[in-house]
Protein backbone atom coordinates (compact mmCIF):
# COMPACT_ATOMS: atom_id res chain seq x y z
CA UNK A 1 -10.01 -34.23 -0.48
CA UNK A 2 -7.33 -32.84 1.87
CA UNK A 3 -7.62 -29.51 2.93
CA UNK A 4 -4.93 -26.36 1.54
CA UNK A 5 -2.16 -25.56 4.16
CA UNK A 6 -1.69 -22.09 5.06
CA UNK A 7 1.08 -20.63 4.11
CA UNK A 8 2.08 -20.38 7.86
CA UNK A 9 2.15 -24.07 7.73
CA UNK A 10 3.70 -24.25 4.26
CA UNK A 11 6.64 -21.59 5.63
CA UNK A 12 6.97 -24.04 9.00
CA UNK A 13 7.64 -27.02 6.73
CA UNK A 14 10.35 -24.76 4.93
CA UNK A 15 12.07 -23.88 7.99
CA UNK A 16 12.12 -27.38 9.51
CA UNK A 17 13.65 -28.60 6.03
CA UNK A 18 16.17 -25.96 5.89
CA UNK A 19 17.04 -26.58 9.63
CA UNK A 20 17.67 -29.96 8.28
CA UNK A 21 20.26 -28.81 5.68
CA UNK A 22 22.09 -26.78 8.18
CA UNK A 23 22.49 -29.76 10.34
CA UNK A 24 24.03 -31.62 7.41
CA UNK A 25 20.65 -34.44 6.95
CA UNK A 26 19.70 -34.07 3.15
CA UNK A 27 17.59 -37.13 2.89
CA UNK A 28 15.89 -35.31 5.90
CA UNK A 29 15.74 -32.12 3.92
CA UNK A 30 13.93 -33.77 0.87
CA UNK A 31 11.70 -35.73 2.48
CA UNK A 32 10.58 -33.14 4.47
CA UNK A 33 10.20 -30.37 1.44
CA UNK A 34 8.37 -32.90 -0.56
CA UNK A 35 5.94 -33.01 2.15
CA UNK A 36 4.61 -29.47 1.21
CA UNK A 37 2.25 -28.91 -1.46
CA UNK A 38 3.81 -28.48 -4.69
CA UNK A 39 1.98 -25.13 -6.65
CA UNK A 40 0.04 -26.68 -9.44
CA UNK A 41 2.43 -24.19 -11.68
CA UNK A 42 5.55 -25.83 -11.33
CA UNK A 43 3.70 -29.27 -10.74
CA UNK A 44 2.50 -28.90 -14.47
CA UNK A 45 5.88 -27.53 -15.37
CA UNK A 46 7.76 -30.72 -13.47
CA UNK A 47 5.06 -33.01 -15.48
CA UNK A 48 5.77 -31.15 -18.93
CA UNK A 49 9.66 -30.96 -19.05
CA UNK A 50 10.68 -34.04 -16.77
CA UNK A 51 7.37 -36.41 -16.85
CA UNK A 52 4.81 -37.98 -14.84
CA UNK A 53 7.15 -40.11 -13.04
CA UNK A 54 9.11 -37.84 -11.68
CA UNK A 55 7.04 -36.63 -9.59
CA UNK A 56 5.19 -39.94 -8.48
CA UNK A 57 8.90 -41.84 -7.87
CA UNK A 58 9.64 -38.46 -5.93
CA UNK A 59 6.69 -38.44 -3.62
CA UNK A 60 6.26 -35.34 -4.32
CA UNK A 61 3.09 -33.73 -2.62
CA UNK A 62 0.16 -33.16 -5.42
CA UNK A 63 -2.31 -32.15 -3.33
CA UNK A 64 -3.14 -28.85 -4.54
CA UNK A 65 -2.47 -29.84 -8.38
CA UNK A 66 -4.96 -32.36 -7.99
CA UNK A 67 -7.79 -30.36 -6.58
CA UNK A 68 -6.74 -27.34 -9.52
CA UNK A 69 -6.40 -30.14 -12.55
CA UNK A 70 -8.22 -32.92 -11.12
CA UNK A 71 -7.45 -36.21 -9.74
CA UNK A 72 -6.55 -37.71 -13.07
CA UNK A 73 -4.36 -34.92 -14.01
CA UNK A 74 -0.95 -36.62 -14.30
CA UNK A 75 -2.58 -39.61 -16.84
CA UNK A 76 -3.57 -36.97 -19.33
């Protein structure tokens, strides 16, 4: 199981992502921001509203949701 990222690590990822966005690199922003774990409550809401495929195909980091809801949570 992957270790949970610290708040500092998450903020560093966000900072890097917004630096890329400010530099006009929207693809880099998107790729970088998705590398930070999505909070479980947001992942659940996204699954409910947009479906599991949205999360899987989008390449979102779902490690915290998997830790909270279980490895098969997207299939339930």
